[in-house]
N, C-alpha and C. Protein backbone atom coordinates (compact mmCIF):
# COMPACT_ATOMS: atom_id res chain seq x y z
N MET A 1 -5.41 -46.85 -25.19
CA MET A 1 -5.45 -46.47 -23.80
C MET A 1 -4.48 -45.34 -23.51
N THR A 2 -3.41 -45.23 -24.28
CA THR A 2 -2.40 -44.20 -24.08
C THR A 2 -2.97 -42.81 -24.35
N THR A 3 -3.81 -42.66 -25.37
CA THR A 3 -4.42 -41.38 -25.69
C THR A 3 -5.36 -40.95 -24.58
N ALA A 4 -6.14 -41.86 -24.05
CA ALA A 4 -7.05 -41.53 -22.95
C ALA A 4 -6.26 -41.11 -21.71
N TRP A 5 -5.15 -41.82 -21.45
CA TRP A 5 -4.31 -41.49 -20.31
C TRP A 5 -3.71 -40.09 -20.47
N ALA A 6 -3.23 -39.76 -21.66
CA ALA A 6 -2.64 -38.45 -21.93
C ALA A 6 -3.70 -37.36 -21.78
N ALA A 7 -4.90 -37.61 -22.26
CA ALA A 7 -5.98 -36.63 -22.14
C ALA A 7 -6.34 -36.40 -20.68
N ALA A 8 -6.34 -37.46 -19.88
CA ALA A 8 -6.64 -37.34 -18.46
C ALA A 8 -5.57 -36.51 -17.74
N VAL A 9 -4.31 -36.72 -18.10
CA VAL A 9 -3.21 -35.97 -17.49
C VAL A 9 -3.33 -34.49 -17.86
N VAL A 10 -3.61 -34.19 -19.12
CA VAL A 10 -3.75 -32.81 -19.57
C VAL A 10 -4.93 -32.14 -18.85
N LEU A 11 -6.04 -32.84 -18.74
CA LEU A 11 -7.21 -32.31 -18.06
C LEU A 11 -6.90 -32.04 -16.59
N ALA A 12 -6.25 -32.97 -15.92
CA ALA A 12 -5.91 -32.80 -14.51
C ALA A 12 -4.96 -31.63 -14.32
N ALA A 13 -3.97 -31.50 -15.21
CA ALA A 13 -3.01 -30.40 -15.11
C ALA A 13 -3.69 -29.05 -15.32
N SER A 14 -4.60 -28.99 -16.29
CA SER A 14 -5.27 -27.72 -16.55
C SER A 14 -6.21 -27.34 -15.41
N LEU A 15 -6.86 -28.32 -14.79
CA LEU A 15 -7.71 -28.04 -13.64
C LEU A 15 -6.88 -27.56 -12.46
N ALA A 16 -5.75 -28.20 -12.24
CA ALA A 16 -4.87 -27.81 -11.13
C ALA A 16 -4.32 -26.41 -11.36
N ALA A 17 -3.93 -26.11 -12.57
CA ALA A 17 -3.36 -24.80 -12.89
C ALA A 17 -4.39 -23.69 -12.75
N SER A 18 -5.63 -23.98 -13.07
CA SER A 18 -6.66 -22.94 -13.00
C SER A 18 -6.99 -22.58 -11.56
N GLY A 19 -6.74 -23.46 -10.62
CA GLY A 19 -7.02 -23.18 -9.22
C GLY A 19 -5.86 -22.51 -8.51
N CYS A 20 -4.69 -22.47 -9.11
CA CYS A 20 -3.53 -21.88 -8.47
C CYS A 20 -3.33 -20.47 -8.98
N GLY A 21 -2.64 -19.69 -8.19
CA GLY A 21 -2.32 -18.35 -8.66
C GLY A 21 -2.13 -17.41 -7.52
N TYR A 22 -1.49 -16.29 -7.81
CA TYR A 22 -1.20 -15.28 -6.81
C TYR A 22 -2.31 -14.25 -6.86
N HIS A 23 -2.83 -13.92 -5.72
CA HIS A 23 -3.84 -12.87 -5.61
C HIS A 23 -3.49 -12.00 -4.42
N THR A 24 -3.66 -10.69 -4.57
CA THR A 24 -3.43 -9.80 -3.44
C THR A 24 -4.66 -9.82 -2.55
N ALA A 25 -4.54 -9.20 -1.40
CA ALA A 25 -5.65 -9.17 -0.46
C ALA A 25 -6.75 -8.23 -0.91
N GLY A 26 -6.47 -7.36 -1.84
CA GLY A 26 -7.44 -6.37 -2.28
C GLY A 26 -8.37 -6.86 -3.36
N ASN A 27 -9.42 -6.10 -3.56
CA ASN A 27 -10.38 -6.38 -4.63
C ASN A 27 -10.43 -5.15 -5.53
N ALA A 28 -10.50 -5.37 -6.83
CA ALA A 28 -10.59 -4.24 -7.75
C ALA A 28 -11.27 -4.67 -9.03
N ILE A 29 -11.79 -3.68 -9.71
CA ILE A 29 -12.29 -3.88 -11.06
C ILE A 29 -11.53 -2.89 -11.93
N GLU A 30 -11.52 -3.11 -13.20
CA GLU A 30 -10.85 -2.15 -14.08
C GLU A 30 -11.58 -0.82 -13.97
N LEU A 31 -10.82 0.25 -13.84
CA LEU A 31 -11.44 1.56 -13.67
C LEU A 31 -12.23 1.95 -14.91
N PRO A 32 -13.44 2.43 -14.73
CA PRO A 32 -14.27 2.83 -15.87
C PRO A 32 -13.64 3.99 -16.64
N GLN A 33 -13.98 4.07 -17.92
CA GLN A 33 -13.44 5.12 -18.79
C GLN A 33 -13.92 6.51 -18.39
N ASN A 34 -15.04 6.60 -17.66
CA ASN A 34 -15.58 7.91 -17.29
C ASN A 34 -14.90 8.50 -16.05
N ILE A 35 -13.91 7.83 -15.50
CA ILE A 35 -13.16 8.36 -14.35
C ILE A 35 -12.04 9.27 -14.89
N HIS A 36 -12.15 10.55 -14.57
CA HIS A 36 -11.15 11.53 -15.00
C HIS A 36 -10.58 12.29 -13.80
N THR A 37 -11.38 12.39 -12.75
CA THR A 37 -11.00 13.15 -11.56
C THR A 37 -11.08 12.24 -10.35
N VAL A 38 -9.99 12.19 -9.58
CA VAL A 38 -9.94 11.37 -8.37
C VAL A 38 -9.68 12.29 -7.18
N ALA A 39 -10.56 12.22 -6.19
CA ALA A 39 -10.35 12.98 -4.96
C ALA A 39 -9.57 12.10 -3.99
N ILE A 40 -8.55 12.69 -3.39
CA ILE A 40 -7.76 11.99 -2.38
C ILE A 40 -7.72 12.89 -1.15
N PRO A 41 -8.79 12.82 -0.33
CA PRO A 41 -8.78 13.64 0.88
C PRO A 41 -7.74 13.10 1.86
N GLY A 42 -7.36 13.93 2.83
CA GLY A 42 -6.37 13.51 3.81
C GLY A 42 -6.77 12.19 4.46
N PHE A 43 -5.81 11.28 4.56
CA PHE A 43 -6.07 9.99 5.17
C PHE A 43 -6.34 10.18 6.67
N VAL A 44 -7.03 9.23 7.24
CA VAL A 44 -7.36 9.22 8.66
C VAL A 44 -6.36 8.31 9.36
N SER A 45 -6.01 8.66 10.60
CA SER A 45 -5.07 7.82 11.34
C SER A 45 -5.65 7.42 12.69
N HIS A 46 -5.56 6.12 12.99
CA HIS A 46 -5.90 5.60 14.31
C HIS A 46 -4.63 5.29 15.09
N SER A 47 -3.50 5.77 14.60
CA SER A 47 -2.21 5.52 15.22
C SER A 47 -1.77 6.77 15.98
N GLN A 48 -0.82 6.59 16.87
CA GLN A 48 -0.27 7.71 17.63
C GLN A 48 0.95 8.32 16.93
N THR A 49 1.31 7.80 15.77
CA THR A 49 2.50 8.28 15.06
C THR A 49 2.21 9.64 14.43
N PHE A 50 3.02 10.61 14.80
CA PHE A 50 2.83 11.99 14.38
C PHE A 50 2.92 12.13 12.87
N ARG A 51 1.88 12.68 12.24
CA ARG A 51 1.82 13.03 10.81
C ARG A 51 1.93 11.85 9.84
N ILE A 52 1.82 10.63 10.27
CA ILE A 52 1.96 9.49 9.36
C ILE A 52 0.91 9.56 8.25
N GLU A 53 -0.31 9.97 8.60
CA GLU A 53 -1.37 10.04 7.59
C GLU A 53 -1.08 11.11 6.56
N GLN A 54 -0.45 12.22 6.96
CA GLN A 54 -0.10 13.29 6.03
C GLN A 54 0.99 12.83 5.06
N LEU A 55 1.99 12.14 5.58
CA LEU A 55 3.07 11.64 4.71
C LEU A 55 2.53 10.64 3.69
N LEU A 56 1.66 9.75 4.13
CA LEU A 56 1.08 8.76 3.22
C LEU A 56 0.18 9.42 2.17
N THR A 57 -0.65 10.36 2.60
CA THR A 57 -1.53 11.07 1.66
C THR A 57 -0.70 11.80 0.60
N ASP A 58 0.31 12.54 1.05
CA ASP A 58 1.16 13.29 0.12
C ASP A 58 1.85 12.37 -0.88
N ALA A 59 2.35 11.24 -0.41
CA ALA A 59 3.04 10.29 -1.30
C ALA A 59 2.08 9.73 -2.34
N VAL A 60 0.86 9.41 -1.94
CA VAL A 60 -0.13 8.86 -2.89
C VAL A 60 -0.53 9.92 -3.91
N VAL A 61 -0.72 11.15 -3.49
CA VAL A 61 -1.06 12.23 -4.42
C VAL A 61 0.07 12.41 -5.44
N ARG A 62 1.33 12.46 -4.95
CA ARG A 62 2.47 12.60 -5.87
C ARG A 62 2.52 11.45 -6.87
N GLU A 63 2.29 10.23 -6.39
CA GLU A 63 2.35 9.05 -7.28
C GLU A 63 1.22 9.08 -8.31
N PHE A 64 0.02 9.47 -7.90
CA PHE A 64 -1.09 9.58 -8.86
C PHE A 64 -0.77 10.64 -9.91
N ASN A 65 -0.22 11.77 -9.49
CA ASN A 65 0.13 12.83 -10.44
C ASN A 65 1.24 12.40 -11.39
N ALA A 66 2.20 11.63 -10.89
CA ALA A 66 3.34 11.21 -11.71
C ALA A 66 2.98 10.08 -12.68
N ARG A 67 2.09 9.18 -12.28
CA ARG A 67 1.87 7.97 -13.07
C ARG A 67 0.55 7.92 -13.82
N THR A 68 -0.34 8.87 -13.57
CA THR A 68 -1.64 8.80 -14.23
C THR A 68 -2.00 10.14 -14.87
N GLN A 69 -3.04 10.11 -15.68
CA GLN A 69 -3.57 11.32 -16.30
C GLN A 69 -4.76 11.86 -15.52
N TYR A 70 -5.10 11.23 -14.38
CA TYR A 70 -6.25 11.68 -13.60
C TYR A 70 -5.96 13.04 -12.98
N HIS A 71 -6.99 13.86 -12.93
CA HIS A 71 -6.90 15.12 -12.22
C HIS A 71 -7.15 14.79 -10.75
N VAL A 72 -6.24 15.20 -9.87
CA VAL A 72 -6.34 14.86 -8.45
C VAL A 72 -6.85 16.06 -7.66
N LEU A 73 -7.91 15.83 -6.89
CA LEU A 73 -8.45 16.84 -5.98
C LEU A 73 -8.06 16.45 -4.56
N HIS A 74 -7.95 17.44 -3.69
CA HIS A 74 -7.55 17.17 -2.31
C HIS A 74 -8.74 17.05 -1.36
N GLU A 75 -9.93 17.24 -1.89
CA GLU A 75 -11.15 17.10 -1.10
C GLU A 75 -12.17 16.31 -1.89
N ALA A 76 -13.03 15.58 -1.17
CA ALA A 76 -14.10 14.82 -1.82
C ALA A 76 -15.24 15.79 -2.13
N THR A 77 -15.29 16.24 -3.37
CA THR A 77 -16.34 17.17 -3.80
C THR A 77 -17.20 16.49 -4.86
N SER A 78 -18.26 17.17 -5.26
CA SER A 78 -19.14 16.62 -6.30
C SER A 78 -18.45 16.59 -7.66
N ASP A 79 -17.33 17.29 -7.81
CA ASP A 79 -16.57 17.29 -9.06
C ASP A 79 -15.79 15.99 -9.26
N ALA A 80 -15.58 15.25 -8.21
CA ALA A 80 -14.76 14.03 -8.28
C ALA A 80 -15.55 12.87 -8.87
N ASP A 81 -14.92 12.18 -9.81
CA ASP A 81 -15.53 10.97 -10.38
C ASP A 81 -15.33 9.77 -9.46
N ALA A 82 -14.27 9.82 -8.64
CA ALA A 82 -13.96 8.74 -7.70
C ALA A 82 -13.28 9.35 -6.48
N VAL A 83 -13.40 8.66 -5.35
CA VAL A 83 -12.79 9.13 -4.11
C VAL A 83 -11.95 7.99 -3.52
N LEU A 84 -10.71 8.30 -3.21
CA LEU A 84 -9.80 7.34 -2.58
C LEU A 84 -9.67 7.72 -1.11
N ARG A 85 -10.11 6.81 -0.24
CA ARG A 85 -10.02 7.03 1.21
C ARG A 85 -9.13 5.96 1.81
N ALA A 86 -8.36 6.38 2.82
CA ALA A 86 -7.49 5.42 3.50
C ALA A 86 -7.47 5.73 4.99
N THR A 87 -7.28 4.67 5.76
CA THR A 87 -7.16 4.79 7.20
C THR A 87 -5.91 4.06 7.65
N VAL A 88 -5.06 4.76 8.39
CA VAL A 88 -3.89 4.13 8.99
C VAL A 88 -4.40 3.43 10.25
N LEU A 89 -4.39 2.11 10.22
CA LEU A 89 -4.91 1.34 11.34
C LEU A 89 -3.91 1.29 12.49
N SER A 90 -2.64 1.16 12.15
CA SER A 90 -1.60 1.15 13.18
C SER A 90 -0.26 1.51 12.57
N ALA A 91 0.62 2.03 13.41
CA ALA A 91 2.00 2.33 13.02
C ALA A 91 2.84 2.14 14.26
N SER A 92 3.93 1.39 14.09
CA SER A 92 4.79 1.13 15.25
C SER A 92 6.23 0.97 14.80
N ALA A 93 7.12 1.17 15.76
CA ALA A 93 8.55 0.92 15.54
C ALA A 93 8.99 -0.03 16.64
N SER A 94 9.71 -1.06 16.25
CA SER A 94 10.19 -2.02 17.24
C SER A 94 11.64 -2.36 16.97
N PRO A 95 12.42 -2.61 18.04
CA PRO A 95 13.83 -2.96 17.86
C PRO A 95 13.96 -4.22 17.03
N LEU A 96 14.97 -4.21 16.18
CA LEU A 96 15.18 -5.35 15.29
C LEU A 96 16.48 -6.08 15.63
N ALA A 97 17.52 -5.32 15.98
CA ALA A 97 18.82 -5.92 16.34
C ALA A 97 19.42 -5.11 17.48
N TYR A 98 20.22 -5.80 18.28
CA TYR A 98 20.84 -5.18 19.46
C TYR A 98 22.35 -5.30 19.39
N ASP A 99 23.04 -4.34 20.01
CA ASP A 99 24.49 -4.39 20.16
C ASP A 99 24.79 -5.39 21.26
N SER A 100 25.64 -6.37 20.97
CA SER A 100 25.92 -7.43 21.95
C SER A 100 26.71 -6.93 23.15
N VAL A 101 27.41 -5.82 23.02
CA VAL A 101 28.21 -5.28 24.12
C VAL A 101 27.36 -4.39 25.03
N THR A 102 26.64 -3.45 24.43
CA THR A 102 25.88 -2.48 25.23
C THR A 102 24.45 -2.90 25.49
N GLY A 103 23.91 -3.78 24.67
CA GLY A 103 22.51 -4.17 24.81
C GLY A 103 21.55 -3.16 24.21
N ARG A 104 22.07 -2.09 23.61
CA ARG A 104 21.21 -1.08 22.98
C ARG A 104 20.74 -1.55 21.61
N ALA A 105 19.58 -1.10 21.24
CA ALA A 105 19.07 -1.39 19.90
C ALA A 105 19.94 -0.68 18.87
N VAL A 106 20.28 -1.36 17.79
CA VAL A 106 21.07 -0.75 16.72
C VAL A 106 20.28 -0.60 15.43
N SER A 107 19.16 -1.29 15.34
CA SER A 107 18.26 -1.11 14.20
C SER A 107 16.83 -1.36 14.66
N ALA A 108 15.91 -0.76 13.91
CA ALA A 108 14.50 -0.88 14.25
C ALA A 108 13.69 -1.11 12.97
N LEU A 109 12.47 -1.53 13.16
CA LEU A 109 11.56 -1.81 12.04
C LEU A 109 10.28 -1.01 12.24
N VAL A 110 9.96 -0.17 11.26
CA VAL A 110 8.70 0.56 11.26
C VAL A 110 7.69 -0.31 10.52
N THR A 111 6.51 -0.50 11.12
CA THR A 111 5.45 -1.28 10.51
C THR A 111 4.18 -0.44 10.49
N VAL A 112 3.54 -0.36 9.32
CA VAL A 112 2.32 0.42 9.16
C VAL A 112 1.26 -0.45 8.50
N SER A 113 0.07 -0.44 9.08
CA SER A 113 -1.09 -1.16 8.53
C SER A 113 -2.09 -0.13 8.04
N ILE A 114 -2.56 -0.31 6.78
CA ILE A 114 -3.41 0.69 6.13
C ILE A 114 -4.59 0.01 5.45
N GLN A 115 -5.74 0.66 5.54
CA GLN A 115 -6.96 0.19 4.88
C GLN A 115 -7.32 1.21 3.80
N VAL A 116 -7.63 0.73 2.58
CA VAL A 116 -7.87 1.63 1.45
C VAL A 116 -9.14 1.24 0.72
N LYS A 117 -9.88 2.28 0.26
CA LYS A 117 -11.07 2.03 -0.57
C LYS A 117 -11.22 3.16 -1.59
N LEU A 118 -11.41 2.78 -2.85
CA LEU A 118 -11.68 3.72 -3.93
C LEU A 118 -13.10 3.47 -4.41
N THR A 119 -13.93 4.52 -4.36
CA THR A 119 -15.33 4.38 -4.78
C THR A 119 -15.66 5.40 -5.86
N ASP A 120 -16.67 5.07 -6.69
CA ASP A 120 -17.11 6.04 -7.69
C ASP A 120 -18.18 6.94 -7.09
N ARG A 121 -18.76 7.82 -7.90
CA ARG A 121 -19.77 8.79 -7.42
C ARG A 121 -20.98 8.13 -6.78
N GLN A 122 -21.33 6.96 -7.28
CA GLN A 122 -22.51 6.27 -6.77
C GLN A 122 -22.18 5.41 -5.55
N GLY A 123 -20.93 5.38 -5.14
CA GLY A 123 -20.54 4.59 -3.99
C GLY A 123 -20.11 3.17 -4.32
N LYS A 124 -20.06 2.86 -5.61
CA LYS A 124 -19.61 1.53 -6.03
C LYS A 124 -18.11 1.40 -5.76
N VAL A 125 -17.72 0.29 -5.14
CA VAL A 125 -16.32 0.08 -4.81
C VAL A 125 -15.56 -0.32 -6.08
N LEU A 126 -14.54 0.49 -6.42
CA LEU A 126 -13.71 0.22 -7.58
C LEU A 126 -12.43 -0.52 -7.18
N PHE A 127 -11.98 -0.25 -5.97
CA PHE A 127 -10.79 -0.92 -5.44
C PHE A 127 -10.90 -0.90 -3.93
N GLU A 128 -10.47 -2.02 -3.32
CA GLU A 128 -10.49 -2.09 -1.86
C GLU A 128 -9.41 -3.04 -1.39
N ASN A 129 -8.67 -2.61 -0.38
CA ASN A 129 -7.73 -3.49 0.29
C ASN A 129 -7.77 -3.13 1.77
N PRO A 130 -8.33 -4.02 2.59
CA PRO A 130 -8.45 -3.71 4.02
C PRO A 130 -7.19 -4.00 4.82
N SER A 131 -6.14 -4.49 4.15
CA SER A 131 -5.00 -4.97 4.96
C SER A 131 -3.64 -4.76 4.30
N TYR A 132 -3.35 -3.55 3.86
CA TYR A 132 -1.98 -3.27 3.41
C TYR A 132 -1.09 -3.29 4.65
N LEU A 133 0.08 -3.89 4.52
CA LEU A 133 1.04 -3.94 5.61
C LEU A 133 2.41 -3.65 5.04
N PHE A 134 3.04 -2.58 5.51
CA PHE A 134 4.35 -2.17 5.00
C PHE A 134 5.35 -2.08 6.14
N HIS A 135 6.61 -2.45 5.83
CA HIS A 135 7.71 -2.43 6.79
C HIS A 135 8.88 -1.66 6.20
N GLU A 136 9.63 -1.00 7.07
CA GLU A 136 10.87 -0.34 6.65
C GLU A 136 11.84 -0.39 7.82
N GLN A 137 13.04 -0.83 7.54
CA GLN A 137 14.08 -0.94 8.56
C GLN A 137 14.93 0.33 8.56
N TYR A 138 15.45 0.68 9.74
CA TYR A 138 16.40 1.79 9.82
C TYR A 138 17.40 1.52 10.93
N GLU A 139 18.56 2.15 10.78
CA GLU A 139 19.65 2.02 11.76
C GLU A 139 19.51 3.09 12.83
N ILE A 140 19.87 2.75 14.05
CA ILE A 140 19.85 3.70 15.15
C ILE A 140 21.30 4.05 15.46
N SER A 141 21.61 5.33 15.37
CA SER A 141 22.98 5.78 15.59
C SER A 141 23.34 5.65 17.07
N SER A 142 24.55 5.19 17.33
CA SER A 142 25.02 5.09 18.71
C SER A 142 26.02 6.21 19.02
N ASP A 143 26.41 6.96 18.00
CA ASP A 143 27.35 8.05 18.16
C ASP A 143 26.59 9.34 18.44
N LEU A 144 26.53 9.75 19.72
CA LEU A 144 25.71 10.90 20.10
C LEU A 144 26.12 12.21 19.43
N PRO A 145 27.42 12.53 19.27
CA PRO A 145 27.76 13.81 18.60
C PRO A 145 27.26 13.88 17.16
N SER A 146 27.21 12.76 16.47
CA SER A 146 26.74 12.79 15.08
C SER A 146 25.37 12.13 14.94
N PHE A 147 24.62 12.12 16.04
CA PHE A 147 23.32 11.44 16.04
C PHE A 147 22.40 12.02 14.97
N PHE A 148 21.82 11.12 14.21
CA PHE A 148 20.88 11.51 13.18
C PHE A 148 19.65 10.62 13.33
N GLN A 149 18.52 11.24 13.50
CA GLN A 149 17.27 10.50 13.67
C GLN A 149 16.86 9.90 12.32
N GLU A 150 16.93 8.58 12.18
CA GLU A 150 16.70 7.91 10.91
C GLU A 150 15.26 7.45 10.75
N ASP A 151 14.44 7.54 11.79
CA ASP A 151 13.07 7.03 11.65
C ASP A 151 12.24 7.85 10.67
N SER A 152 12.44 9.17 10.61
CA SER A 152 11.67 9.98 9.64
C SER A 152 11.99 9.62 8.20
N PRO A 153 13.27 9.50 7.80
CA PRO A 153 13.54 9.04 6.44
C PRO A 153 12.99 7.63 6.17
N ALA A 154 12.97 6.79 7.18
CA ALA A 154 12.42 5.44 6.99
C ALA A 154 10.92 5.51 6.70
N VAL A 155 10.22 6.38 7.41
CA VAL A 155 8.77 6.55 7.16
C VAL A 155 8.55 7.17 5.79
N ASP A 156 9.42 8.08 5.37
CA ASP A 156 9.33 8.64 4.01
C ASP A 156 9.48 7.54 2.96
N ARG A 157 10.48 6.67 3.14
CA ARG A 157 10.69 5.56 2.19
C ARG A 157 9.48 4.64 2.18
N LEU A 158 8.95 4.33 3.36
CA LEU A 158 7.78 3.47 3.47
C LEU A 158 6.58 4.11 2.76
N SER A 159 6.40 5.41 2.92
CA SER A 159 5.29 6.12 2.28
C SER A 159 5.38 6.04 0.77
N ARG A 160 6.58 6.24 0.23
CA ARG A 160 6.77 6.16 -1.23
C ARG A 160 6.52 4.74 -1.73
N ASP A 161 6.97 3.75 -0.99
CA ASP A 161 6.76 2.35 -1.37
C ASP A 161 5.27 2.01 -1.36
N PHE A 162 4.58 2.45 -0.31
CA PHE A 162 3.13 2.24 -0.24
C PHE A 162 2.42 2.90 -1.41
N ALA A 163 2.78 4.16 -1.72
CA ALA A 163 2.13 4.89 -2.80
C ALA A 163 2.34 4.20 -4.14
N ARG A 164 3.58 3.75 -4.41
CA ARG A 164 3.85 3.04 -5.68
C ARG A 164 3.02 1.77 -5.77
N THR A 165 2.96 1.03 -4.68
CA THR A 165 2.22 -0.23 -4.67
C THR A 165 0.73 0.02 -4.84
N LEU A 166 0.18 0.98 -4.11
CA LEU A 166 -1.25 1.27 -4.18
C LEU A 166 -1.66 1.69 -5.59
N VAL A 167 -0.94 2.64 -6.16
CA VAL A 167 -1.30 3.13 -7.50
C VAL A 167 -1.16 2.01 -8.54
N ALA A 168 -0.11 1.21 -8.42
CA ALA A 168 0.05 0.08 -9.35
C ALA A 168 -1.11 -0.91 -9.19
N ASN A 169 -1.51 -1.20 -7.96
CA ASN A 169 -2.62 -2.12 -7.74
C ASN A 169 -3.92 -1.59 -8.33
N ILE A 170 -4.16 -0.31 -8.18
CA ILE A 170 -5.38 0.30 -8.74
C ILE A 170 -5.35 0.28 -10.27
N LEU A 171 -4.22 0.66 -10.85
CA LEU A 171 -4.12 0.73 -12.31
C LEU A 171 -4.14 -0.65 -12.96
N GLU A 172 -3.61 -1.65 -12.27
CA GLU A 172 -3.54 -3.00 -12.82
C GLU A 172 -4.76 -3.83 -12.43
N ALA A 173 -5.73 -3.21 -11.74
CA ALA A 173 -6.99 -3.87 -11.37
C ALA A 173 -6.78 -5.15 -10.57
N TYR A 174 -5.93 -5.06 -9.55
CA TYR A 174 -5.77 -6.21 -8.65
C TYR A 174 -6.87 -6.23 -7.67
């Protein structure tokens, strides 16, 4: 009876383990070997944040050039084996912490929501994530003579983080 009990425990553990695991919100397949050229046209923005789509597009192009052997085009042409399109769904900055004496915000959080899809020439989806969500915190200077607007560097950091994550997700077929 001990062997049957041990076998049942092993079977139950293996079934439980097969149902667990980490999965991202995106869908992907391993990129086909015939993909050599990827078009990354300028991203679209539904947000009011000035140039956010340009910063994100530039960061993704730089990351693709740095980490892959794909030839990157800036327009979706017939020469492209695949096209990466993204839409900035929203971008916002909200106060995160306040000065207890003055009541002024001393730090803020930038939040950006992005939808991404990579398709091949025939329109087959190679990678898709409808819900990327990225955050970046920054400090708000209270010293007016040395005031430095920190939100732009925060958006730059967020753009680089998004680009690294996106390219890694595509290359690792998440």
